[in-house]
Amino acid sequence: MNFTINCDSQNGHYLFQINGEIDAYTAPRLKERLTSALSDAATKSVTLDFENVTYMDSTGIGVLIGALKMAAKSGCQLKITKVMPRIERILKITGLDKLLPISRERGEST
């Protein structure tokens, strides 16, 4: 599957729709896009739509941790929505579910 990132932005709120596998080859592209959004002083929130994320390795976890740090420094909210059970399990095993709001639906967060 090809890896794509689609981004919509309105009034400082970003929605990233991520499709495919987040691994050592694709994570740098995600990191670049997130860094750009989180570096913008006008950014209020960043939502990562993981509905079509089929796999994530430790490189992807590293990108999420880096994004969390950037969001905390800038006072921006970062969350993940539409998480598939296998990806949610990875987030729970790593403890990221305690630091990052995640949900299976777009409007719900845990």
C-alpha atoms as a PDB file:
ATOM      1  CA  MET A   1       0.000   0.000   0.000  1.00  0.00           C
ATOM      2  CA  ASN A   2       1.229   3.491  -0.794  1.00  0.00           C
ATOM      3  CA  PHE A   3       1.819   5.890   2.075  1.00  0.00           C
ATOM      4  CA  THR A   4      -0.037   9.186   1.831  1.00  0.00           C
ATOM      5  CA  ILE A   5      -0.712  12.099   4.149  1.00  0.00           C
ATOM      6  CA  ASN A   6      -3.609  14.432   3.420  1.00  0.00           C
ATOM      7  CA  CYS A   7      -3.896  17.563   5.510  1.00  0.00           C
ATOM      8  CA  ASP A   8      -6.774  19.980   5.999  1.00  0.00           C
ATOM      9  CA  SER A   9      -6.374  23.119   8.070  1.00  0.00           C
ATOM     10  CA  GLN A  10      -8.927  25.634   9.307  1.00  0.00           C
ATOM     11  CA  ASN A  11      -8.443  28.382  11.873  1.00  0.00           C
ATOM     12  CA  GLY A  12      -5.407  26.749  13.462  1.00  0.00           C
ATOM     13  CA  HIS A  13      -6.915  23.261  13.588  1.00  0.00           C
ATOM     14  CA  TYR A  14      -5.134  20.611  11.511  1.00  0.00           C
ATOM     15  CA  LEU A  15      -6.528  17.243  10.450  1.00  0.00           C
ATOM     16  CA  PHE A  16      -4.019  14.762   9.033  1.00  0.00           C
ATOM     17  CA  GLN A  17      -5.473  11.736   7.255  1.00  0.00           C
ATOM     18  CA  ILE A  18      -2.732   9.132   7.167  1.00  0.00           C
ATOM     19  CA  ASN A  19      -2.925   6.122   4.864  1.00  0.00           C
ATOM     20  CA  GLY A  20      -0.641   3.093   4.853  1.00  0.00           C
ATOM     21  CA  GLU A  21       2.241   1.895   7.004  1.00  0.00           C
ATOM     22  CA  ILE A  22       4.219   4.138   9.342  1.00  0.00           C
ATOM     23  CA  ASP A  23       7.714   2.672   9.386  1.00  0.00           C
ATOM     24  CA  ALA A  24      11.373   3.637   8.989  1.00  0.00           C
ATOM     25  CA  TYR A  25      10.785   4.590   5.356  1.00  0.00           C
ATOM     26  CA  THR A  26       7.615   6.650   5.778  1.00  0.00           C
ATOM     27  CA  ALA A  27       7.968   8.109   9.293  1.00  0.00           C
ATOM     28  CA  PRO A  28      10.327  10.924   8.186  1.00  0.00           C
ATOM     29  CA  ARG A  29       7.592  12.270   5.874  1.00  0.00           C
ATOM     30  CA  LEU A  30       5.082  12.240   8.732  1.00  0.00           C
ATOM     31  CA  LYS A  31       7.602  13.882  11.061  1.00  0.00           C
ATOM     32  CA  GLU A  32       8.248  16.654   8.534  1.00  0.00           C
ATOM     33  CA  ARG A  33       4.533  17.409   8.112  1.00  0.00           C
ATOM     34  CA  LEU A  34       3.843  17.349  11.861  1.00  0.00           C
ATOM     35  CA  THR A  35       6.860  19.523  12.630  1.00  0.00           C
ATOM     36  CA  SER A  36       5.652  22.074  10.116  1.00  0.00           C
ATOM     37  CA  ALA A  37       2.143  22.204  11.621  1.00  0.00           C
ATOM     38  CA  LEU A  38       3.332  22.229  15.234  1.00  0.00           C
ATOM     39  CA  SER A  39       5.914  24.956  14.524  1.00  0.00           C
ATOM     40  CA  ASP A  40       3.175  27.315  13.353  1.00  0.00           C
ATOM     41  CA  ALA A  41       2.346  29.670  16.242  1.00  0.00           C
ATOM     42  CA  ALA A  42      -1.296  29.806  15.090  1.00  0.00           C
ATOM     43  CA  THR A  43      -1.792  26.035  15.506  1.00  0.00           C
ATOM     44  CA  LYS A  44      -4.330  25.185  18.220  1.00  0.00           C
ATOM     45  CA  SER A  45      -4.835  21.469  17.596  1.00  0.00           C
ATOM     46  CA  VAL A  46      -3.556  18.616  15.470  1.00  0.00           C
ATOM     47  CA  THR A  47      -5.707  15.540  14.919  1.00  0.00           C
ATOM     48  CA  LEU A  48      -4.221  12.432  13.347  1.00  0.00           C
ATOM     49  CA  ASP A  49      -6.824  10.299  11.571  1.00  0.00           C
ATOM     50  CA  PHE A  50      -5.452   6.747  11.780  1.00  0.00           C
ATOM     51  CA  GLU A  51      -8.418   5.033  10.094  1.00  0.00           C
ATOM     52  CA  ASN A  52      -6.226   3.767   7.261  1.00  0.00           C
ATOM     53  CA  VAL A  53      -2.985   3.203   9.176  1.00  0.00           C
ATOM     54  CA  THR A  54      -2.330  -0.492   8.724  1.00  0.00           C
ATOM     55  CA  TYR A  55       0.994  -0.821  10.568  1.00  0.00           C
ATOM     56  CA  MET A  56       3.255   1.221  12.831  1.00  0.00           C
ATOM     57  CA  ASP A  57       6.735   0.329  14.069  1.00  0.00           C
ATOM     58  CA  SER A  58       9.011   1.918  16.665  1.00  0.00           C
ATOM     59  CA  THR A  59       9.972   4.678  14.238  1.00  0.00           C
ATOM     60  CA  GLY A  60       6.341   5.779  14.133  1.00  0.00           C
ATOM     61  CA  ILE A  61       6.190   5.682  17.938  1.00  0.00           C
ATOM     62  CA  GLY A  62       9.248   7.946  17.980  1.00  0.00           C
ATOM     63  CA  VAL A  63       7.557  10.427  15.663  1.00  0.00           C
ATOM     64  CA  LEU A  64       4.497  10.516  17.936  1.00  0.00           C
ATOM     65  CA  ILE A  65       6.658  11.100  21.024  1.00  0.00           C
ATOM     66  CA  GLY A  66       8.482  13.940  19.273  1.00  0.00           C
ATOM     67  CA  ALA A  67       5.173  15.462  18.188  1.00  0.00           C
ATOM     68  CA  LEU A  68       3.858  15.209  21.758  1.00  0.00           C
ATOM     69  CA  LYS A  69       6.890  17.124  23.031  1.00  0.00           C
ATOM     70  CA  MET A  70       6.466  19.831  20.403  1.00  0.00           C
ATOM     71  CA  ALA A  71       2.740  20.122  21.123  1.00  0.00           C
ATOM     72  CA  ALA A  72       3.385  20.444  24.860  1.00  0.00           C
ATOM     73  CA  LYS A  73       5.933  23.225  24.293  1.00  0.00           C
ATOM     74  CA  SER A  74       3.568  25.173  22.050  1.00  0.00           C
ATOM     75  CA  GLY A  75       0.410  24.593  24.107  1.00  0.00           C
ATOM     76  CA  CYS A  76      -1.222  22.765  21.211  1.00  0.00           C
ATOM     77  CA  GLN A  77      -3.532  19.755  21.555  1.00  0.00           C
ATOM     78  CA  LEU A  78      -2.469  16.570  19.748  1.00  0.00           C
ATOM     79  CA  LYS A  79      -4.806  13.587  19.431  1.00  0.00           C
ATOM     80  CA  ILE A  80      -5.326  10.448  17.369  1.00  0.00           C
ATOM     81  CA  THR A  81      -8.731   9.359  16.111  1.00  0.00           C
ATOM     82  CA  LYS A  82     -10.215   6.395  14.255  1.00  0.00           C
ATOM     83  CA  VAL A  83      -7.582   4.070  15.679  1.00  0.00           C
ATOM     84  CA  MET A  84      -7.828   0.441  14.589  1.00  0.00           C
ATOM     85  CA  PRO A  85      -7.581  -2.117  17.420  1.00  0.00           C
ATOM     86  CA  ARG A  86      -4.118  -3.396  16.419  1.00  0.00           C
ATOM     87  CA  ILE A  87      -2.685   0.150  16.411  1.00  0.00           C
ATOM     88  CA  GLU A  88      -4.501   0.975  19.655  1.00  0.00           C
ATOM     89  CA  ARG A  89      -2.809  -2.067  21.205  1.00  0.00           C
ATOM     90  CA  ILE A  90       0.628  -0.717  20.222  1.00  0.00           C
ATOM     91  CA  LEU A  91      -0.239   2.648  21.779  1.00  0.00           C
ATOM     92  CA  LYS A  92      -1.327   0.912  24.996  1.00  0.00           C
ATOM     93  CA  ILE A  93       1.737  -1.353  25.174  1.00  0.00           C
ATOM     94  CA  THR A  94       4.039   1.664  24.822  1.00  0.00           C
ATOM     95  CA  GLY A  95       2.037   3.751  27.302  1.00  0.00           C
ATOM     96  CA  LEU A  96       1.260   6.442  24.751  1.00  0.00           C
ATOM     97  CA  ASP A  97      -2.445   6.036  25.454  1.00  0.00           C
ATOM     98  CA  LYS A  98      -1.745   7.661  28.850  1.00  0.00           C
ATOM     99  CA  LEU A  99      -0.119  10.713  27.248  1.00  0.00           C
ATOM    100  CA  LEU A 100      -2.063  11.122  24.032  1.00  0.00           C
ATOM    101  CA  PRO A 101      -5.845  11.204  23.645  1.00  0.00           C
ATOM    102  CA  ILE A 102      -6.855   8.354  21.342  1.00  0.00           C
ATOM    103  CA  SER A 103     -10.240   7.199  20.122  1.00  0.00           C
ATOM    104  CA  ARG A 104     -11.829   4.860  17.650  1.00  0.00           C
ATOM    105  CA  GLU A 105     -14.179   7.600  16.470  1.00  0.00           C
ATOM    106  CA  ARG A 106     -13.370  11.098  15.270  1.00  0.00           C
ATOM    107  CA  GLY A 107     -15.384  12.948  17.934  1.00  0.00           C
ATOM    108  CA  GLU A 108     -14.599  10.736  20.924  1.00  0.00           C
ATOM    109  CA  SER A 109     -11.402  10.768  22.972  1.00  0.00           C
ATOM    110  CA  THR A 110     -10.209   8.686  25.873  1.00  0.00           C
END
